[in-house]
N, C-alpha and C. Protein backbone atom coordinates (compact mmCIF):
# COMPACT_ATOMS: atom_id res chain seq x y z
N ALA A 1 -3.46 -59.81 -8.54
CA ALA A 1 -3.72 -61.02 -7.77
C ALA A 1 -4.92 -61.74 -8.38
N PRO A 2 -4.94 -63.08 -8.32
CA PRO A 2 -6.08 -63.82 -8.87
C PRO A 2 -7.36 -63.47 -8.13
N ALA A 3 -8.46 -63.37 -8.88
CA ALA A 3 -9.75 -63.05 -8.26
C ALA A 3 -10.26 -64.26 -7.49
N PRO A 4 -10.97 -64.02 -6.36
CA PRO A 4 -11.53 -65.14 -5.61
C PRO A 4 -12.60 -65.87 -6.42
N ALA A 5 -12.82 -67.11 -6.08
CA ALA A 5 -13.85 -67.89 -6.77
C ALA A 5 -15.22 -67.33 -6.47
N VAL A 6 -16.21 -67.77 -7.28
CA VAL A 6 -17.57 -67.26 -7.14
C VAL A 6 -18.13 -67.54 -5.74
N ASP A 7 -17.76 -68.70 -5.18
CA ASP A 7 -18.30 -69.05 -3.86
C ASP A 7 -17.56 -68.36 -2.72
N GLY A 8 -16.61 -67.48 -3.04
CA GLY A 8 -15.93 -66.71 -2.00
C GLY A 8 -14.64 -67.33 -1.50
N THR A 9 -14.31 -68.54 -1.91
CA THR A 9 -13.07 -69.16 -1.45
C THR A 9 -11.88 -68.48 -2.14
N PRO A 10 -10.77 -68.35 -1.42
CA PRO A 10 -9.61 -67.67 -2.01
C PRO A 10 -9.09 -68.42 -3.23
N ALA A 11 -8.64 -67.68 -4.20
CA ALA A 11 -8.04 -68.29 -5.38
C ALA A 11 -6.69 -68.89 -5.00
N PRO A 12 -6.28 -69.98 -5.65
CA PRO A 12 -4.98 -70.58 -5.35
C PRO A 12 -3.85 -69.61 -5.64
N ARG A 13 -2.82 -69.64 -4.79
CA ARG A 13 -1.68 -68.75 -4.99
C ARG A 13 -0.88 -69.24 -6.20
N PRO A 14 -0.37 -68.33 -7.01
CA PRO A 14 0.41 -68.74 -8.18
C PRO A 14 1.68 -69.49 -7.75
N VAL A 15 2.04 -70.49 -8.51
CA VAL A 15 3.24 -71.28 -8.22
C VAL A 15 4.47 -70.56 -8.76
N VAL A 16 5.50 -70.43 -7.90
CA VAL A 16 6.76 -69.83 -8.34
C VAL A 16 7.66 -70.95 -8.85
N THR A 17 7.99 -70.89 -10.11
CA THR A 17 8.78 -71.94 -10.74
C THR A 17 10.28 -71.68 -10.56
N GLU A 18 11.06 -72.70 -10.92
CA GLU A 18 12.52 -72.55 -10.89
C GLU A 18 12.97 -71.42 -11.81
N LYS A 19 12.32 -71.32 -12.93
CA LYS A 19 12.65 -70.24 -13.88
C LYS A 19 12.38 -68.88 -13.24
N ASP A 20 11.24 -68.78 -12.53
CA ASP A 20 10.91 -67.53 -11.84
C ASP A 20 12.01 -67.16 -10.84
N MET A 21 12.46 -68.16 -10.07
CA MET A 21 13.48 -67.91 -9.05
C MET A 21 14.79 -67.47 -9.69
N ARG A 22 15.14 -68.08 -10.81
CA ARG A 22 16.37 -67.68 -11.51
C ARG A 22 16.27 -66.22 -11.97
N GLN A 23 15.10 -65.86 -12.48
CA GLN A 23 14.91 -64.50 -12.96
C GLN A 23 14.96 -63.50 -11.80
N ILE A 24 14.36 -63.88 -10.67
CA ILE A 24 14.41 -63.02 -9.50
C ILE A 24 15.86 -62.80 -9.08
N GLY A 25 16.62 -63.89 -9.03
CA GLY A 25 18.03 -63.78 -8.68
C GLY A 25 18.80 -62.91 -9.64
N GLN A 26 18.53 -63.05 -10.93
CA GLN A 26 19.21 -62.23 -11.93
C GLN A 26 18.89 -60.75 -11.76
N HIS A 27 17.62 -60.44 -11.49
CA HIS A 27 17.22 -59.04 -11.29
C HIS A 27 17.87 -58.45 -10.04
N LEU A 28 17.91 -59.24 -8.96
CA LEU A 28 18.51 -58.75 -7.73
C LEU A 28 20.02 -58.54 -7.89
N LYS A 29 20.66 -59.46 -8.61
CA LYS A 29 22.09 -59.30 -8.88
C LYS A 29 22.34 -58.06 -9.72
N ARG A 30 21.50 -57.86 -10.72
CA ARG A 30 21.65 -56.70 -11.59
C ARG A 30 21.47 -55.40 -10.80
N ALA A 31 20.59 -55.43 -9.81
CA ALA A 31 20.36 -54.24 -8.99
C ALA A 31 21.63 -53.85 -8.23
N THR A 32 22.38 -54.86 -7.74
CA THR A 32 23.63 -54.55 -7.03
C THR A 32 24.68 -53.98 -7.98
N GLU A 33 24.62 -54.40 -9.26
CA GLU A 33 25.58 -53.89 -10.24
C GLU A 33 25.25 -52.46 -10.64
N LEU A 34 23.96 -52.17 -10.75
CA LEU A 34 23.52 -50.82 -11.14
C LEU A 34 23.62 -49.82 -9.99
N ALA A 35 23.50 -50.33 -8.76
CA ALA A 35 23.54 -49.46 -7.59
C ALA A 35 24.52 -50.02 -6.55
N PRO A 36 25.82 -49.94 -6.83
CA PRO A 36 26.82 -50.56 -5.94
C PRO A 36 26.90 -49.92 -4.55
N ASP A 37 26.27 -48.76 -4.36
CA ASP A 37 26.27 -48.12 -3.04
C ASP A 37 24.92 -48.23 -2.35
N SER A 38 24.07 -49.12 -2.84
CA SER A 38 22.74 -49.29 -2.25
C SER A 38 22.74 -50.45 -1.24
N GLU A 39 22.61 -50.11 0.04
CA GLU A 39 22.53 -51.14 1.07
C GLU A 39 21.34 -52.05 0.82
N GLU A 40 20.22 -51.46 0.42
CA GLU A 40 19.00 -52.24 0.22
C GLU A 40 19.19 -53.28 -0.88
N ALA A 41 19.84 -52.89 -1.97
CA ALA A 41 20.04 -53.84 -3.08
C ALA A 41 20.87 -55.03 -2.63
N PHE A 42 21.94 -54.78 -1.89
CA PHE A 42 22.79 -55.88 -1.42
C PHE A 42 22.10 -56.71 -0.36
N LEU A 43 21.34 -56.05 0.50
CA LEU A 43 20.62 -56.78 1.54
C LEU A 43 19.59 -57.72 0.94
N LEU A 44 18.82 -57.24 -0.04
CA LEU A 44 17.79 -58.06 -0.66
C LEU A 44 18.41 -59.24 -1.42
N PHE A 45 19.50 -59.00 -2.13
CA PHE A 45 20.13 -60.09 -2.87
C PHE A 45 20.73 -61.12 -1.90
N ALA A 46 21.35 -60.65 -0.81
CA ALA A 46 21.91 -61.57 0.18
C ALA A 46 20.82 -62.41 0.84
N LEU A 47 19.69 -61.77 1.14
CA LEU A 47 18.57 -62.51 1.74
C LEU A 47 18.03 -63.56 0.76
N PHE A 48 17.96 -63.20 -0.50
CA PHE A 48 17.52 -64.16 -1.52
C PHE A 48 18.47 -65.35 -1.59
N LEU A 49 19.76 -65.07 -1.60
CA LEU A 49 20.74 -66.15 -1.66
C LEU A 49 20.64 -67.05 -0.43
N ARG A 50 20.46 -66.45 0.73
CA ARG A 50 20.33 -67.25 1.95
C ARG A 50 19.10 -68.13 1.90
N GLN A 51 17.98 -67.56 1.48
CA GLN A 51 16.72 -68.29 1.45
C GLN A 51 16.70 -69.39 0.41
N THR A 52 17.56 -69.29 -0.59
CA THR A 52 17.60 -70.31 -1.64
C THR A 52 18.78 -71.26 -1.46
N GLY A 53 19.32 -71.33 -0.25
CA GLY A 53 20.37 -72.29 0.06
C GLY A 53 21.73 -71.93 -0.49
N GLN A 54 21.96 -70.64 -0.72
CA GLN A 54 23.25 -70.20 -1.29
C GLN A 54 23.97 -69.25 -0.33
N THR A 55 23.96 -69.61 0.95
CA THR A 55 24.56 -68.74 1.95
C THR A 55 26.03 -68.42 1.69
N PRO A 56 26.87 -69.39 1.27
CA PRO A 56 28.27 -69.03 0.97
C PRO A 56 28.38 -67.93 -0.09
N LYS A 57 27.50 -67.95 -1.09
CA LYS A 57 27.52 -66.89 -2.10
C LYS A 57 27.12 -65.55 -1.49
N ALA A 58 26.18 -65.59 -0.53
CA ALA A 58 25.78 -64.36 0.16
C ALA A 58 26.94 -63.80 0.97
N VAL A 59 27.72 -64.69 1.58
CA VAL A 59 28.91 -64.27 2.33
C VAL A 59 29.90 -63.57 1.40
N THR A 60 30.15 -64.16 0.25
CA THR A 60 31.08 -63.55 -0.72
C THR A 60 30.57 -62.19 -1.19
N LEU A 61 29.27 -62.13 -1.46
CA LEU A 61 28.66 -60.87 -1.92
C LEU A 61 28.89 -59.75 -0.91
N LEU A 62 28.56 -60.02 0.36
CA LEU A 62 28.66 -58.97 1.37
C LEU A 62 30.10 -58.69 1.76
N SER A 63 30.96 -59.72 1.70
CA SER A 63 32.38 -59.50 2.03
C SER A 63 32.99 -58.48 1.10
N ASP A 64 32.55 -58.49 -0.16
CA ASP A 64 33.08 -57.55 -1.14
C ASP A 64 32.47 -56.15 -1.00
N ALA A 65 31.40 -56.03 -0.21
CA ALA A 65 30.67 -54.76 -0.14
C ALA A 65 30.81 -54.02 1.18
N VAL A 66 31.24 -54.70 2.25
CA VAL A 66 31.16 -54.08 3.58
C VAL A 66 32.09 -52.89 3.77
N GLU A 67 33.18 -52.81 3.01
CA GLU A 67 34.07 -51.66 3.20
C GLU A 67 33.38 -50.36 2.82
N ARG A 68 32.56 -50.40 1.78
CA ARG A 68 31.85 -49.17 1.39
C ARG A 68 30.45 -49.11 2.00
N LEU A 69 29.95 -50.26 2.49
CA LEU A 69 28.62 -50.32 3.09
C LEU A 69 28.72 -50.99 4.46
N PRO A 70 29.30 -50.29 5.45
CA PRO A 70 29.59 -50.91 6.75
C PRO A 70 28.35 -51.38 7.51
N ASN A 71 27.19 -50.86 7.19
CA ASN A 71 25.97 -51.32 7.86
C ASN A 71 25.69 -52.81 7.59
N LEU A 72 26.28 -53.35 6.52
CA LEU A 72 26.04 -54.74 6.15
C LEU A 72 26.88 -55.73 6.96
N ARG A 73 27.80 -55.21 7.79
CA ARG A 73 28.67 -56.11 8.55
C ARG A 73 27.87 -57.03 9.48
N LEU A 74 26.82 -56.49 10.05
CA LEU A 74 26.04 -57.28 11.00
C LEU A 74 25.43 -58.50 10.32
N MET A 75 24.87 -58.30 9.13
CA MET A 75 24.30 -59.42 8.41
C MET A 75 25.39 -60.39 7.96
N LEU A 76 26.53 -59.86 7.55
CA LEU A 76 27.64 -60.72 7.14
C LEU A 76 28.07 -61.62 8.31
N ALA A 77 28.15 -61.06 9.50
CA ALA A 77 28.51 -61.86 10.67
C ALA A 77 27.50 -62.97 10.91
N ALA A 78 26.22 -62.64 10.78
CA ALA A 78 25.17 -63.65 10.98
C ALA A 78 25.25 -64.75 9.93
N LEU A 79 25.61 -64.40 8.70
CA LEU A 79 25.75 -65.40 7.64
C LEU A 79 26.93 -66.33 7.90
N HIS A 80 28.05 -65.75 8.35
CA HIS A 80 29.20 -66.58 8.72
C HIS A 80 28.79 -67.58 9.80
N GLU A 81 28.06 -67.10 10.78
CA GLU A 81 27.62 -67.97 11.87
C GLU A 81 26.70 -69.07 11.35
N ARG A 82 25.85 -68.71 10.41
CA ARG A 82 24.88 -69.67 9.87
C ARG A 82 25.55 -70.87 9.23
N ILE A 83 26.72 -70.66 8.61
CA ILE A 83 27.39 -71.78 7.94
C ILE A 83 28.55 -72.32 8.79
N GLY A 84 28.53 -72.00 10.08
CA GLY A 84 29.49 -72.59 11.01
C GLY A 84 30.86 -71.97 11.02
N GLU A 85 31.02 -70.79 10.43
CA GLU A 85 32.32 -70.12 10.42
C GLU A 85 32.40 -69.18 11.62
N THR A 86 32.53 -69.78 12.81
CA THR A 86 32.44 -69.02 14.05
C THR A 86 33.53 -67.96 14.21
N PRO A 87 34.82 -68.28 13.97
CA PRO A 87 35.85 -67.23 14.12
C PRO A 87 35.59 -66.03 13.21
N ALA A 88 35.22 -66.30 11.96
CA ALA A 88 34.93 -65.20 11.03
C ALA A 88 33.72 -64.41 11.49
N ALA A 89 32.70 -65.12 11.99
CA ALA A 89 31.49 -64.44 12.48
C ALA A 89 31.84 -63.49 13.61
N LYS A 90 32.66 -63.95 14.54
CA LYS A 90 33.01 -63.11 15.70
C LYS A 90 33.87 -61.92 15.30
N GLU A 91 34.77 -62.13 14.34
CA GLU A 91 35.63 -61.02 13.90
C GLU A 91 34.81 -59.94 13.19
N VAL A 92 33.92 -60.36 12.30
CA VAL A 92 33.08 -59.38 11.60
C VAL A 92 32.12 -58.71 12.58
N ALA A 93 31.62 -59.48 13.54
CA ALA A 93 30.72 -58.91 14.56
C ALA A 93 31.47 -57.88 15.41
N ARG A 94 32.75 -58.16 15.70
CA ARG A 94 33.55 -57.19 16.46
C ARG A 94 33.68 -55.87 15.69
N GLU A 95 33.93 -55.96 14.38
CA GLU A 95 34.02 -54.76 13.56
C GLU A 95 32.67 -54.04 13.51
N ALA A 96 31.58 -54.82 13.42
CA ALA A 96 30.24 -54.23 13.41
C ALA A 96 29.95 -53.53 14.72
N ALA A 97 30.36 -54.13 15.83
CA ALA A 97 30.11 -53.52 17.15
C ALA A 97 30.83 -52.18 17.26
N LEU A 98 32.08 -52.12 16.79
CA LEU A 98 32.82 -50.86 16.84
C LEU A 98 32.13 -49.78 16.01
N PHE A 99 31.68 -50.17 14.83
CA PHE A 99 31.01 -49.21 13.94
C PHE A 99 29.71 -48.70 14.56
N HIS A 100 28.86 -49.64 15.01
CA HIS A 100 27.55 -49.23 15.53
C HIS A 100 27.66 -48.54 16.89
N ARG A 101 28.68 -48.88 17.66
CA ARG A 101 28.91 -48.16 18.92
C ARG A 101 29.19 -46.69 18.64
N GLU A 102 30.08 -46.45 17.67
CA GLU A 102 30.41 -45.07 17.30
C GLU A 102 29.17 -44.33 16.81
N MET A 103 28.35 -45.01 16.00
CA MET A 103 27.13 -44.38 15.49
C MET A 103 26.15 -44.10 16.62
N ALA A 104 26.03 -45.05 17.57
CA ALA A 104 25.09 -44.87 18.68
C ALA A 104 25.50 -43.71 19.58
N LEU A 105 26.80 -43.60 19.83
CA LEU A 105 27.28 -42.53 20.71
C LEU A 105 27.21 -41.16 20.03
N SER A 106 27.39 -41.14 18.71
CA SER A 106 27.33 -39.86 17.99
C SER A 106 25.90 -39.43 17.72
N ASP A 107 24.97 -40.39 17.71
CA ASP A 107 23.56 -40.08 17.45
C ASP A 107 22.68 -40.88 18.40
N PRO A 108 22.64 -40.49 19.68
CA PRO A 108 21.90 -41.27 20.69
C PRO A 108 20.39 -41.24 20.52
N THR A 109 19.88 -40.38 19.65
CA THR A 109 18.43 -40.29 19.48
C THR A 109 17.88 -41.35 18.52
N THR A 110 18.77 -42.05 17.81
CA THR A 110 18.34 -43.06 16.84
C THR A 110 18.53 -44.45 17.42
N PRO A 111 17.44 -45.15 17.77
CA PRO A 111 17.57 -46.45 18.44
C PRO A 111 18.20 -47.54 17.59
N SER A 112 18.10 -47.44 16.26
CA SER A 112 18.61 -48.52 15.40
C SER A 112 20.11 -48.74 15.59
N HIS A 113 20.86 -47.67 15.86
CA HIS A 113 22.30 -47.82 16.07
C HIS A 113 22.58 -48.68 17.30
N ARG A 114 21.87 -48.39 18.39
CA ARG A 114 22.09 -49.15 19.63
C ARG A 114 21.59 -50.59 19.49
N LEU A 115 20.50 -50.77 18.75
CA LEU A 115 20.00 -52.12 18.51
C LEU A 115 21.04 -52.95 17.75
N SER A 116 21.63 -52.36 16.72
CA SER A 116 22.66 -53.08 15.94
C SER A 116 23.91 -53.33 16.78
N TRP A 117 24.27 -52.39 17.62
CA TRP A 117 25.42 -52.56 18.52
C TRP A 117 25.18 -53.76 19.45
N ALA A 118 23.98 -53.83 20.01
CA ALA A 118 23.65 -54.94 20.90
C ALA A 118 23.68 -56.28 20.16
N ARG A 119 23.14 -56.31 18.94
CA ARG A 119 23.16 -57.54 18.14
C ARG A 119 24.59 -57.98 17.85
N ALA A 120 25.45 -57.00 17.54
CA ALA A 120 26.85 -57.33 17.23
C ALA A 120 27.55 -57.93 18.44
N GLU A 121 27.29 -57.39 19.62
CA GLU A 121 27.88 -57.96 20.84
C GLU A 121 27.33 -59.36 21.09
N MET A 122 26.05 -59.56 20.83
CA MET A 122 25.44 -60.87 21.01
C MET A 122 26.10 -61.91 20.10
N LEU A 123 26.38 -61.52 18.86
CA LEU A 123 27.00 -62.44 17.91
C LEU A 123 28.44 -62.80 18.30
N GLN A 124 29.05 -61.95 19.14
CA GLN A 124 30.38 -62.26 19.65
C GLN A 124 30.31 -63.10 20.93
N THR A 125 29.11 -63.45 21.35
CA THR A 125 28.85 -64.15 22.61
C THR A 125 29.19 -63.26 23.80
N ASN A 126 29.12 -61.96 23.61
CA ASN A 126 29.31 -61.01 24.71
C ASN A 126 27.94 -60.66 25.29
N GLY A 127 27.34 -61.65 25.95
CA GLY A 127 25.98 -61.47 26.44
C GLY A 127 25.82 -60.34 27.42
N GLU A 128 26.77 -60.22 28.36
CA GLU A 128 26.66 -59.17 29.39
C GLU A 128 26.77 -57.79 28.76
N ALA A 129 27.68 -57.65 27.79
CA ALA A 129 27.82 -56.36 27.10
C ALA A 129 26.54 -56.03 26.34
N ALA A 130 25.96 -57.03 25.67
CA ALA A 130 24.72 -56.81 24.93
C ALA A 130 23.59 -56.38 25.87
N LEU A 131 23.50 -57.03 27.02
CA LEU A 131 22.43 -56.70 27.98
C LEU A 131 22.60 -55.30 28.53
N ALA A 132 23.84 -54.88 28.77
CA ALA A 132 24.08 -53.52 29.26
C ALA A 132 23.66 -52.49 28.22
N ILE A 133 23.95 -52.78 26.94
CA ILE A 133 23.53 -51.87 25.85
C ILE A 133 22.01 -51.83 25.75
N ILE A 134 21.38 -52.98 25.93
CA ILE A 134 19.91 -53.06 25.88
C ILE A 134 19.29 -52.28 27.03
N ASP A 135 19.85 -52.45 28.24
CA ASP A 135 19.32 -51.72 29.41
C ASP A 135 19.33 -50.22 29.16
N ARG A 136 20.46 -49.72 28.67
CA ARG A 136 20.57 -48.29 28.40
C ARG A 136 19.65 -47.89 27.25
N GLY A 137 19.52 -48.75 26.26
CA GLY A 137 18.63 -48.46 25.14
C GLY A 137 17.18 -48.33 25.58
N GLU A 138 16.76 -49.19 26.50
CA GLU A 138 15.38 -49.12 26.98
C GLU A 138 15.14 -47.86 27.81
N GLU A 139 16.18 -47.36 28.46
CA GLU A 139 16.05 -46.10 29.19
C GLU A 139 15.90 -44.92 28.21
N LEU A 140 16.67 -44.98 27.13
CA LEU A 140 16.66 -43.87 26.17
C LEU A 140 15.47 -43.92 25.22
N HIS A 141 15.01 -45.12 24.89
CA HIS A 141 13.97 -45.28 23.87
C HIS A 141 12.88 -46.21 24.42
N ARG A 142 12.05 -45.68 25.26
CA ARG A 142 11.08 -46.51 26.00
C ARG A 142 10.04 -47.17 25.09
N ASP A 143 9.81 -46.61 23.92
CA ASP A 143 8.79 -47.17 23.03
C ASP A 143 9.36 -48.12 21.98
N GLU A 144 10.66 -48.35 22.01
CA GLU A 144 11.30 -49.22 21.02
C GLU A 144 11.25 -50.67 21.49
N LEU A 145 10.46 -51.50 20.80
CA LEU A 145 10.27 -52.89 21.22
C LEU A 145 11.43 -53.79 20.81
N GLY A 146 12.29 -53.30 19.92
CA GLY A 146 13.39 -54.12 19.45
C GLY A 146 14.33 -54.56 20.56
N PHE A 147 14.49 -53.74 21.60
CA PHE A 147 15.38 -54.11 22.70
C PHE A 147 14.86 -55.33 23.44
N HIS A 148 13.55 -55.41 23.59
CA HIS A 148 12.93 -56.57 24.22
C HIS A 148 13.25 -57.84 23.43
N THR A 149 13.16 -57.74 22.10
CA THR A 149 13.42 -58.89 21.24
C THR A 149 14.87 -59.35 21.36
N ILE A 150 15.82 -58.41 21.38
CA ILE A 150 17.22 -58.79 21.47
C ILE A 150 17.53 -59.38 22.85
N ARG A 151 16.92 -58.82 23.90
CA ARG A 151 17.12 -59.39 25.24
C ARG A 151 16.70 -60.86 25.24
N LEU A 152 15.55 -61.12 24.63
CA LEU A 152 15.06 -62.50 24.55
C LEU A 152 16.06 -63.39 23.80
N LYS A 153 16.62 -62.87 22.69
CA LYS A 153 17.57 -63.66 21.90
C LYS A 153 18.86 -63.94 22.66
N VAL A 154 19.33 -62.96 23.45
CA VAL A 154 20.55 -63.17 24.24
C VAL A 154 20.36 -64.36 25.18
N TYR A 155 19.24 -64.37 25.90
CA TYR A 155 19.00 -65.46 26.84
C TYR A 155 18.69 -66.77 26.12
N MET A 156 18.04 -66.69 24.96
CA MET A 156 17.75 -67.90 24.20
C MET A 156 19.06 -68.56 23.72
N ARG A 157 20.00 -67.76 23.29
CA ARG A 157 21.28 -68.30 22.84
C ARG A 157 22.03 -68.94 24.02
N ARG A 158 21.96 -68.31 25.18
CA ARG A 158 22.58 -68.90 26.37
C ARG A 158 21.92 -70.23 26.71
N PHE A 159 20.61 -70.25 26.61
CA PHE A 159 19.85 -71.47 26.90
C PHE A 159 20.27 -72.60 25.96
N GLN A 160 20.37 -72.29 24.68
CA GLN A 160 20.74 -73.30 23.69
C GLN A 160 22.17 -73.78 23.88
N ARG A 161 23.07 -72.87 24.26
CA ARG A 161 24.46 -73.29 24.54
C ARG A 161 24.51 -74.24 25.73
N ALA A 162 23.68 -73.96 26.74
CA ALA A 162 23.66 -74.83 27.92
C ALA A 162 23.20 -76.24 27.55
N LEU A 163 22.22 -76.33 26.66
CA LEU A 163 21.72 -77.64 26.25
C LEU A 163 22.71 -78.38 25.36
N LYS A 164 23.50 -77.61 24.58
CA LYS A 164 24.45 -78.24 23.65
C LYS A 164 25.78 -78.56 24.30
N ALA A 165 25.97 -78.13 25.54
CA ALA A 165 27.23 -78.40 26.23
C ALA A 165 27.41 -79.91 26.39
N ASP A 166 28.64 -80.33 26.59
CA ASP A 166 28.94 -81.76 26.75
C ASP A 166 29.65 -81.97 28.10
N PRO A 167 28.90 -82.45 29.12
CA PRO A 167 27.49 -82.85 29.09
C PRO A 167 26.57 -81.64 29.16
N PRO A 168 25.29 -81.81 28.80
CA PRO A 168 24.34 -80.69 28.87
C PRO A 168 24.24 -80.11 30.28
N GLU A 169 24.16 -78.80 30.35
CA GLU A 169 24.07 -78.10 31.64
C GLU A 169 22.59 -77.83 31.96
N TYR A 170 21.92 -78.88 32.42
CA TYR A 170 20.47 -78.78 32.61
C TYR A 170 20.10 -77.78 33.71
N LYS A 171 20.89 -77.72 34.76
CA LYS A 171 20.59 -76.77 35.84
C LYS A 171 20.63 -75.33 35.32
N GLU A 172 21.67 -75.04 34.54
CA GLU A 172 21.78 -73.71 33.94
C GLU A 172 20.64 -73.46 32.97
N ALA A 173 20.28 -74.48 32.18
CA ALA A 173 19.20 -74.33 31.21
C ALA A 173 17.87 -74.03 31.92
N LEU A 174 17.62 -74.71 33.03
CA LEU A 174 16.38 -74.47 33.78
C LEU A 174 16.33 -73.05 34.34
N ALA A 175 17.47 -72.58 34.84
CA ALA A 175 17.53 -71.22 35.37
C ALA A 175 17.28 -70.20 34.26
N LEU A 176 17.87 -70.46 33.07
CA LEU A 176 17.67 -69.56 31.94
C LEU A 176 16.23 -69.61 31.45
N MET A 177 15.60 -70.79 31.53
CA MET A 177 14.20 -70.89 31.13
C MET A 177 13.32 -70.04 32.03
N ASP A 178 13.63 -69.99 33.33
CA ASP A 178 12.88 -69.13 34.25
C ASP A 178 12.99 -67.67 33.82
N THR A 179 14.21 -67.28 33.42
CA THR A 179 14.42 -65.90 32.95
C THR A 179 13.63 -65.63 31.68
N LEU A 180 13.67 -66.58 30.75
CA LEU A 180 12.93 -66.41 29.49
C LEU A 180 11.43 -66.28 29.75
N LEU A 181 10.92 -67.04 30.69
CA LEU A 181 9.49 -66.97 31.00
C LEU A 181 9.14 -65.63 31.64
N GLU A 182 10.08 -65.06 32.39
CA GLU A 182 9.85 -63.74 32.96
C GLU A 182 9.83 -62.68 31.86
N ILE A 183 10.70 -62.83 30.87
CA ILE A 183 10.79 -61.84 29.80
C ILE A 183 9.55 -61.89 28.91
N ASP A 184 9.17 -63.10 28.47
CA ASP A 184 8.04 -63.22 27.54
C ASP A 184 7.47 -64.64 27.59
N PRO A 185 6.55 -64.90 28.53
CA PRO A 185 6.01 -66.26 28.70
C PRO A 185 5.19 -66.76 27.52
N ASP A 186 4.73 -65.85 26.67
CA ASP A 186 3.87 -66.25 25.56
C ASP A 186 4.61 -66.34 24.22
N HIS A 187 5.92 -66.08 24.24
CA HIS A 187 6.66 -66.11 22.99
C HIS A 187 6.74 -67.55 22.47
N PRO A 188 6.44 -67.78 21.18
CA PRO A 188 6.41 -69.16 20.65
C PRO A 188 7.73 -69.92 20.81
N GLU A 189 8.87 -69.20 20.67
CA GLU A 189 10.17 -69.88 20.83
C GLU A 189 10.36 -70.35 22.27
N VAL A 190 9.92 -69.53 23.21
CA VAL A 190 10.05 -69.91 24.62
C VAL A 190 9.18 -71.13 24.90
N ILE A 191 7.96 -71.11 24.40
CA ILE A 191 7.05 -72.25 24.61
C ILE A 191 7.64 -73.51 23.98
N ALA A 192 8.24 -73.39 22.79
CA ALA A 192 8.85 -74.54 22.12
C ALA A 192 9.99 -75.12 22.94
N GLN A 193 10.78 -74.24 23.58
CA GLN A 193 11.93 -74.71 24.35
C GLN A 193 11.48 -75.42 25.64
N ILE A 194 10.33 -75.03 26.18
CA ILE A 194 9.79 -75.75 27.33
C ILE A 194 9.59 -77.21 26.94
N GLY A 195 9.10 -77.43 25.72
CA GLY A 195 8.91 -78.80 25.23
C GLY A 195 10.22 -79.54 25.12
N VAL A 196 11.30 -78.84 24.71
CA VAL A 196 12.61 -79.47 24.60
C VAL A 196 13.08 -79.95 25.96
N LEU A 197 12.89 -79.12 26.99
CA LEU A 197 13.33 -79.49 28.32
C LEU A 197 12.54 -80.63 28.91
N SER A 198 11.29 -80.77 28.48
CA SER A 198 10.43 -81.80 29.06
C SER A 198 10.63 -83.18 28.44
N ILE A 199 11.41 -83.22 27.31
CA ILE A 199 11.64 -84.51 26.65
C ILE A 199 12.54 -85.42 27.50
């Protein structure tokens, strides 16, 4: 890292050029070729593609990998949703839910399985199912904060759907905002949505 200036001010961060980004992409792609069974390699490359505006390429990448790396289905579903492919997102999320449900039931001591199961149900717009999984997860894993985060996301998605309805369902949105404030009144997304309602 660059050394700080003599007066103690932080040194400027190095600029990442287009050439740097191309090289990063090439290295990440090469990693998936060298380690075709590495979830981490595919996850990192997919995240890179998403962050650089290449989400359709990330979808293709993971679509070709999920049969041997089923843990990646959840991210694939989220990527489909990101580019507006709702039917595909729900179908992949359904497959992810079945996989993670089986994992959660066979290994109830590992919270990540139940967290992924809840996320998969949420991506299918199965809010009640996701909340039931979260409730049980909080009973089994009292120190796992991830369930709190997913609960917040379930209600946030409901809130956003209410606002996007035609016409907007303001009464429903207000009721959901009350719930969000009960869950986490200091969360920045919740505070931001209060501003949306006040416009």
